C-alpha atoms as a PDB file:
ATOM      1  CA  MET A   1       0.000   0.000   0.000  1.00  0.00           C
ATOM      2  CA  ARG A   2       1.377   3.391  -0.929  1.00  0.00           C
ATOM      3  CA  LEU A   3       0.630   6.571   1.017  1.00  0.00           C
ATOM      4  CA  HIS A   4       1.225   9.547  -1.274  1.00  0.00           C
ATOM      5  CA  SER A   5       0.539  12.392   1.101  1.00  0.00           C
ATOM      6  CA  LEU A   6       2.608  11.252   4.099  1.00  0.00           C
ATOM      7  CA  PRO A   7       6.361  11.721   4.459  1.00  0.00           C
ATOM      8  CA  ASP A   8       8.576   8.588   4.461  1.00  0.00           C
ATOM      9  CA  LEU A   9       9.145   8.748   8.207  1.00  0.00           C
ATOM     10  CA  THR A  10       5.397   8.528   8.895  1.00  0.00           C
ATOM     11  CA  ARG A  11       5.008   5.632   6.455  1.00  0.00           C
ATOM     12  CA  LYS A  12       7.678   3.711   8.346  1.00  0.00           C
ATOM     13  CA  GLN A  13       5.980   4.430  11.645  1.00  0.00           C
ATOM     14  CA  LEU A  14       2.656   3.147  10.291  1.00  0.00           C
ATOM     15  CA  LYS A  15       4.092  -0.074   8.939  1.00  0.00           C
ATOM     16  CA  PRO A  16       3.644  -2.777  11.603  1.00  0.00           C
ATOM     17  CA  ALA A  17       6.876  -4.387  12.787  1.00  0.00           C
ATOM     18  CA  ASN A  18       5.392  -7.853  13.286  1.00  0.00           C
ATOM     19  CA  GLY A  19       3.752  -8.075   9.853  1.00  0.00           C
ATOM     20  CA  SER A  20       0.158  -7.820  11.129  1.00  0.00           C
ATOM     21  CA  ASN A  21      -2.498  -6.002   9.124  1.00  0.00           C
ATOM     22  CA  PRO A  22      -3.935  -2.873  10.851  1.00  0.00           C
ATOM     23  CA  ARG A  23      -6.933  -2.851   8.470  1.00  0.00           C
ATOM     24  CA  LEU A  24      -7.831  -6.383   9.536  1.00  0.00           C
ATOM     25  CA  ALA A  25      -7.498  -5.365  13.188  1.00  0.00           C
ATOM     26  CA  ARG A  26      -9.888  -2.424  12.630  1.00  0.00           C
ATOM     27  CA  ILE A  27     -12.398  -4.697  10.908  1.00  0.00           C
ATOM     28  CA  LEU A  28     -12.247  -7.181  13.794  1.00  0.00           C
ATOM     29  CA  VAL A  29     -12.725  -4.419  16.391  1.00  0.00           C
ATOM     30  CA  PHE A  30     -15.653  -3.036  14.381  1.00  0.00           C
ATOM     31  CA  ALA A  31     -17.221  -6.507  14.099  1.00  0.00           C
ATOM     32  CA  ALA A  32     -16.831  -7.091  17.845  1.00  0.00           C
ATOM     33  CA  GLY A  33     -18.452  -3.722  18.581  1.00  0.00           C
ATOM     34  CA  LEU A  34     -21.301  -4.441  16.181  1.00  0.00           C
ATOM     35  CA  THR A  35     -21.872  -7.849  17.795  1.00  0.00           C
ATOM     36  CA  LEU A  36     -21.948  -6.259  21.239  1.00  0.00           C
ATOM     37  CA  MET A  37     -24.427  -3.623  20.059  1.00  0.00           C
ATOM     38  CA  ILE A  38     -26.747  -6.244  18.535  1.00  0.00           C
ATOM     39  CA  SER A  39     -26.604  -8.410  21.657  1.00  0.00           C
ATOM     40  CA  GLY A  40     -27.776  -5.408  23.696  1.00  0.00           C
ATOM     41  CA  ALA A  41     -30.491  -4.454  21.204  1.00  0.00           C
ATOM     42  CA  VAL A  42     -32.223  -7.856  21.141  1.00  0.00           C
ATOM     43  CA  PRO A  43     -33.383  -7.784  24.809  1.00  0.00           C
ATOM     44  CA  LEU A  44     -34.419  -4.151  24.379  1.00  0.00           C
ATOM     45  CA  ALA A  45     -36.503  -5.028  21.310  1.00  0.00           C
ATOM     46  CA  LYS A  46     -38.178  -7.872  23.227  1.00  0.00           C
ATOM     47  CA  ARG A  47     -39.076  -5.476  26.038  1.00  0.00           C
ATOM     48  CA  ILE A  48     -40.468  -2.901  23.635  1.00  0.00           C
ATOM     49  CA  LEU A  49     -42.583  -5.517  21.888  1.00  0.00           C
ATOM     50  CA  ALA A  50     -43.829  -6.772  25.269  1.00  0.00           C
ATOM     51  CA  ASP A  51     -45.158  -3.277  25.983  1.00  0.00           C
ATOM     52  CA  THR A  52     -47.709  -3.449  23.186  1.00  0.00           C
ATOM     53  CA  LYS A  53     -51.374  -2.966  23.962  1.00  0.00           C
ATOM     54  CA  PRO A  54     -53.163  -5.712  25.894  1.00  0.00           C
ATOM     55  CA  ASN A  55     -55.555  -8.123  24.211  1.00  0.00           C
ATOM     56  CA  VAL A  56     -59.065  -7.131  25.321  1.00  0.00           C
ATOM     57  CA  GLN A  57     -62.152  -9.041  24.193  1.00  0.00           C
ATOM     58  CA  LEU A  58     -65.387  -7.158  24.871  1.00  0.00           C
ATOM     59  CA  ASN A  59     -68.844  -8.762  24.938  1.00  0.00           C
ATOM     60  CA  VAL A  60     -71.762  -6.316  25.111  1.00  0.00           C
ATOM     61  CA  THR A  61     -74.688  -8.689  24.396  1.00  0.00           C
ATOM     62  CA  ASN A  62     -75.859  -8.829  28.047  1.00  0.00           C
ATOM     63  CA  ALA A  63     -75.629  -5.112  28.815  1.00  0.00           C
ATOM     64  CA  ALA A  64     -78.801  -3.654  30.320  1.00  0.00           C
ATOM     65  CA  PRO A  65     -81.006  -1.684  30.528  1.00  0.00           C
ATOM     66  CA  ARG A  66     -79.842  -0.189  27.242  1.00  0.00           C
ATOM     67  CA  GLU A  67     -78.294  -1.914  24.237  1.00  0.00           C
ATOM     68  CA  VAL A  68     -74.732  -0.830  23.447  1.00  0.00           C
ATOM     69  CA  GLU A  69     -74.386   0.738  19.998  1.00  0.00           C
ATOM     70  CA  GLU A  70     -71.601  -0.493  17.710  1.00  0.00           C
ATOM     71  CA  ASN A  71     -69.729   2.851  17.793  1.00  0.00           C
ATOM     72  CA  THR A  72     -69.928   2.910  21.586  1.00  0.00           C
ATOM     73  CA  GLU A  73     -68.680  -0.679  21.773  1.00  0.00           C
ATOM     74  CA  GLN A  74     -65.635   0.198  19.657  1.00  0.00           C
ATOM     75  CA  SER A  75     -64.944   3.347  21.712  1.00  0.00           C
ATOM     76  CA  VAL A  76     -65.220   1.494  25.028  1.00  0.00           C
ATOM     77  CA  LEU A  77     -62.928  -1.264  23.738  1.00  0.00           C
ATOM     78  CA  ARG A  78     -60.357   1.261  22.493  1.00  0.00           C
ATOM     79  CA  ASP A  79     -60.394   3.353  25.672  1.00  0.00           C
ATOM     80  CA  TYR A  80     -60.444   0.458  28.161  1.00  0.00           C
ATOM     81  CA  THR A  81     -57.487  -1.083  26.314  1.00  0.00           C
ATOM     82  CA  ALA A  82     -55.684   2.278  26.430  1.00  0.00           C
ATOM     83  CA  ALA A  83     -56.417   2.543  30.167  1.00  0.00           C
ATOM     84  CA  TRP A  84     -54.696  -0.776  30.857  1.00  0.00           C
ATOM     85  CA  LYS A  85     -51.733   0.199  28.711  1.00  0.00           C
ATOM     86  CA  GLY A  86     -51.583   3.546  30.557  1.00  0.00           C
ATOM     87  CA  LEU A  87     -51.805   1.822  33.943  1.00  0.00           C
ATOM     88  CA  SER A  88     -48.948  -0.481  33.005  1.00  0.00           C
ATOM     89  CA  ALA A  89     -46.806   2.451  31.819  1.00  0.00           C
ATOM     90  CA  ALA A  90     -47.598   4.529  34.918  1.00  0.00           C
ATOM     91  CA  LEU A  91     -46.570   1.748  37.305  1.00  0.00           C
ATOM     92  CA  ALA A  92     -43.469   0.800  35.300  1.00  0.00           C
ATOM     93  CA  ASN A  93     -42.179   4.379  35.071  1.00  0.00           C
ATOM     94  CA  ASN A  94     -43.694   5.962  38.209  1.00  0.00           C
ATOM     95  CA  SER A  95     -45.368   8.506  35.953  1.00  0.00           C
ATOM     96  CA  LEU A  96     -48.765  10.122  36.506  1.00  0.00           C
ATOM     97  CA  ALA A  97     -49.312  11.308  32.905  1.00  0.00           C
ATOM     98  CA  PRO A  98     -50.675   7.972  31.582  1.00  0.00           C
ATOM     99  CA  LEU A  99     -53.128   7.871  34.499  1.00  0.00           C
ATOM    100  CA  ASN A 100     -54.401  11.402  33.862  1.00  0.00           C
ATOM    101  CA  GLU A 101     -55.091  10.515  30.222  1.00  0.00           C
ATOM    102  CA  ASN A 102     -57.169   7.400  30.984  1.00  0.00           C
ATOM    103  CA  PHE A 103     -58.596   7.602  34.508  1.00  0.00           C
ATOM    104  CA  THR A 104     -60.804   9.968  36.495  1.00  0.00           C
ATOM    105  CA  GLY A 105     -62.483  10.164  39.911  1.00  0.00           C
ATOM    106  CA  PHE A 106     -61.919   7.405  42.456  1.00  0.00           C
ATOM    107  CA  ALA A 107     -59.765   5.249  40.137  1.00  0.00           C
ATOM    108  CA  LEU A 108     -57.458   8.173  39.359  1.00  0.00           C
ATOM    109  CA  ASP A 109     -57.100   9.090  43.048  1.00  0.00           C
ATOM    110  CA  LYS A 110     -56.348   5.501  44.088  1.00  0.00           C
ATOM    111  CA  LEU A 111     -53.840   4.814  41.290  1.00  0.00           C
ATOM    112  CA  THR A 112     -52.128   8.199  41.724  1.00  0.00           C
ATOM    113  CA  GLN A 113     -51.520   7.349  45.375  1.00  0.00           C
ATOM    114  CA  ARG A 114     -50.133   3.933  44.414  1.00  0.00           C
ATOM    115  CA  VAL A 115     -47.637   5.496  41.995  1.00  0.00           C
ATOM    116  CA  LYS A 116     -46.590   8.080  44.614  1.00  0.00           C
ATOM    117  CA  ASP A 117     -46.131   5.357  47.260  1.00  0.00           C
ATOM    118  CA  GLN A 118     -44.020   3.121  45.068  1.00  0.00           C
ATOM    119  CA  LYS A 119     -41.943   6.094  43.868  1.00  0.00           C
ATOM    120  CA  GLN A 120     -41.297   7.127  47.476  1.00  0.00           C
ATOM    121  CA  ASN A 121     -40.119   3.573  48.233  1.00  0.00           C
ATOM    122  CA  GLY A 122     -37.922   3.351  45.112  1.00  0.00           C
ATOM    123  CA  LEU A 123     -40.026   0.575  43.550  1.00  0.00           C
ATOM    124  CA  THR A 124     -41.666  -0.006  40.181  1.00  0.00           C
ATOM    125  CA  THR A 125     -44.249  -2.532  39.035  1.00  0.00           C
ATOM    126  CA  ARG A 126     -44.156  -4.358  35.738  1.00  0.00           C
ATOM    127  CA  ILE A 127     -47.480  -5.717  34.489  1.00  0.00           C
ATOM    128  CA  ILE A 128     -47.222  -8.424  31.857  1.00  0.00           C
ATOM    129  CA  ASP A 129     -50.719  -8.483  30.440  1.00  0.00           C
ATOM    130  CA  HIS A 130     -51.904 -11.813  29.045  1.00  0.00           C
ATOM    131  CA  GLY A 131     -55.365 -10.581  28.078  1.00  0.00           C
ATOM    132  CA  HIS A 132     -58.829  -9.599  29.284  1.00  0.00           C
ATOM    133  CA  LYS A 133     -62.260 -11.130  28.783  1.00  0.00           C
ATOM    134  CA  VAL A 134     -64.628  -8.242  29.415  1.00  0.00           C
ATOM    135  CA  GLU A 135     -68.396  -8.274  29.662  1.00  0.00           C
ATOM    136  CA  ALA A 136     -70.567  -5.166  29.735  1.00  0.00           C
ATOM    137  CA  VAL A 137     -73.149  -5.675  32.498  1.00  0.00           C
ATOM    138  CA  PHE A 138     -74.730  -2.212  32.716  1.00  0.00           C
ATOM    139  CA  TYR A 139     -75.096   0.621  30.229  1.00  0.00           C
ATOM    140  CA  SER A 140     -76.910   3.652  31.616  1.00  0.00           C
ATOM    141  CA  PRO A 141     -80.138   4.783  29.923  1.00  0.00           C
ATOM    142  CA  ASP A 142     -78.602   8.168  29.072  1.00  0.00           C
ATOM    143  CA  GLY A 143     -75.415   6.519  27.679  1.00  0.00           C
ATOM    144  CA  SER A 144     -73.088   8.319  30.078  1.00  0.00           C
ATOM    145  CA  ALA A 145     -71.706   5.295  31.980  1.00  0.00           C
ATOM    146  CA  ILE A 146     -70.951   1.640  31.387  1.00  0.00           C
ATOM    147  CA  GLU A 147     -70.036  -1.038  33.934  1.00  0.00           C
ATOM    148  CA  LEU A 148     -67.689  -3.834  32.919  1.00  0.00           C
ATOM    149  CA  LYS A 149     -66.788  -7.171  34.476  1.00  0.00           C
ATOM    150  CA  ASP A 150     -63.221  -8.051  33.495  1.00  0.00           C
ATOM    151  CA  THR A 151     -61.415 -11.372  33.902  1.00  0.00           C
ATOM    152  CA  ALA A 152     -57.779 -10.374  33.453  1.00  0.00           C
ATOM    153  CA  SER A 153     -54.797 -12.710  33.154  1.00  0.00           C
ATOM    154  CA  LEU A 154     -51.908 -10.743  34.588  1.00  0.00           C
ATOM    155  CA  GLU A 155     -48.356 -11.314  35.678  1.00  0.00           C
ATOM    156  CA  THR A 156     -47.224  -8.670  38.148  1.00  0.00           C
ATOM    157  CA  GLN A 157     -43.592  -8.072  39.108  1.00  0.00           C
ATOM    158  CA  VAL A 158     -42.520  -5.639  41.824  1.00  0.00           C
ATOM    159  CA  LEU A 159     -39.008  -4.378  41.171  1.00  0.00           C
ATOM    160  CA  ASP A 160     -36.359  -2.544  43.133  1.00  0.00           C
ATOM    161  CA  GLY A 161     -34.108  -1.211  40.389  1.00  0.00           C
ATOM    162  CA  GLY A 162     -33.601  -4.219  38.121  1.00  0.00           C
ATOM    163  CA  SER A 163     -34.182  -6.826  40.834  1.00  0.00           C
ATOM    164  CA  ILE A 164     -37.528  -8.596  41.078  1.00  0.00           C
ATOM    165  CA  LEU A 165     -38.710  -8.550  44.689  1.00  0.00           C
ATOM    166  CA  HIS A 166     -42.031 -10.281  44.056  1.00  0.00           C
ATOM    167  CA  SER A 167     -43.691 -11.949  41.088  1.00  0.00           C
ATOM    168  CA  ASP A 168     -47.260 -13.203  40.831  1.00  0.00           C
ATOM    169  CA  GLN A 169     -49.338 -14.585  37.980  1.00  0.00           C
ATOM    170  CA  ALA A 170     -53.111 -14.785  38.404  1.00  0.00           C
ATOM    171  CA  GLN A 171     -56.525 -14.382  36.888  1.00  0.00           C
ATOM    172  CA  VAL A 172     -58.098 -11.385  38.566  1.00  0.00           C
ATOM    173  CA  GLN A 173     -61.731 -10.260  38.442  1.00  0.00           C
ATOM    174  CA  TYR A 174     -62.134  -6.502  38.038  1.00  0.00           C
ATOM    175  CA  TYR A 175     -65.216  -4.338  38.068  1.00  0.00           C
ATOM    176  CA  ALA A 176     -64.804  -1.142  36.103  1.00  0.00           C
ATOM    177  CA  VAL A 177     -67.063   1.832  35.563  1.00  0.00           C
ATOM    178  CA  LEU A 178     -66.277   4.028  32.583  1.00  0.00           C
ATOM    179  CA  THR A 179     -67.832   7.436  32.069  1.00  0.00           C
ATOM    180  CA  GLY A 180     -67.801   9.736  29.089  1.00  0.00           C
ATOM    181  CA  ALA A 181     -65.242  12.531  29.404  1.00  0.00           C
ATOM    182  CA  GLU A 182     -64.112  15.026  26.750  1.00  0.00           C
ATOM    183  CA  ASP A 183     -63.676  12.904  23.612  1.00  0.00           C
ATOM    184  CA  ARG A 184     -63.256   9.473  25.214  1.00  0.00           C
ATOM    185  CA  TRP A 185     -64.322   7.081  27.920  1.00  0.00           C
ATOM    186  CA  LYS A 186     -62.328   7.248  31.151  1.00  0.00           C
ATOM    187  CA  VAL A 187     -62.158   4.658  33.898  1.00  0.00           C
ATOM    188  CA  ARG A 188     -63.829   6.108  37.006  1.00  0.00           C
ATOM    189  CA  VAL A 189     -63.789   2.927  39.126  1.00  0.00           C
ATOM    190  CA  LEU A 190     -61.433  -0.063  38.864  1.00  0.00           C
ATOM    191  CA  GLU A 191     -61.764  -2.547  41.711  1.00  0.00           C
ATOM    192  CA  SER A 192     -60.533  -6.123  41.970  1.00  0.00           C
ATOM    193  CA  SER A 193     -62.666  -8.720  43.677  1.00  0.00           C
ATOM    194  CA  LYS A 194     -59.804 -10.051  45.781  1.00  0.00           C
END
């Protein structure tokens, strides 16, 4: 290899004494760095994909005293799903913003206090959501509120930093009341039966 712009002294200094190839060494270092970067990205990608929205199946056929309209059914499904995703994000990051977007009233007060308590204690909670089977049991005559019975399959992990302090997997029965607010349904009550 000929270096035209460098003086002879520099060319001699660049030439390896033991006959090794510096270009090959750079390629090997680059390949090792790339491998290390990919090995760190795979677990991150798995975690990001795990944070997708929960699977919620909504049945409105037994709602009373009023029948649930198709548009309302789709809105309730969308907003209840978003509420669970927001709850999971709030507990994982000790952030109140996802709660404020999806909850109101008693549910918001209760969950806000939970986030504040776990933040004060240096803890976070990871919810691994395995799905919800939801049944509408009451839809108010004026269409302003809907009560849901939810059978949720959840795995809950309480963490201190990266260490899991407690892990639990269970099917939990929830009763939720959603009310119309602004341009969406918000969860006003979310109570487990245990």
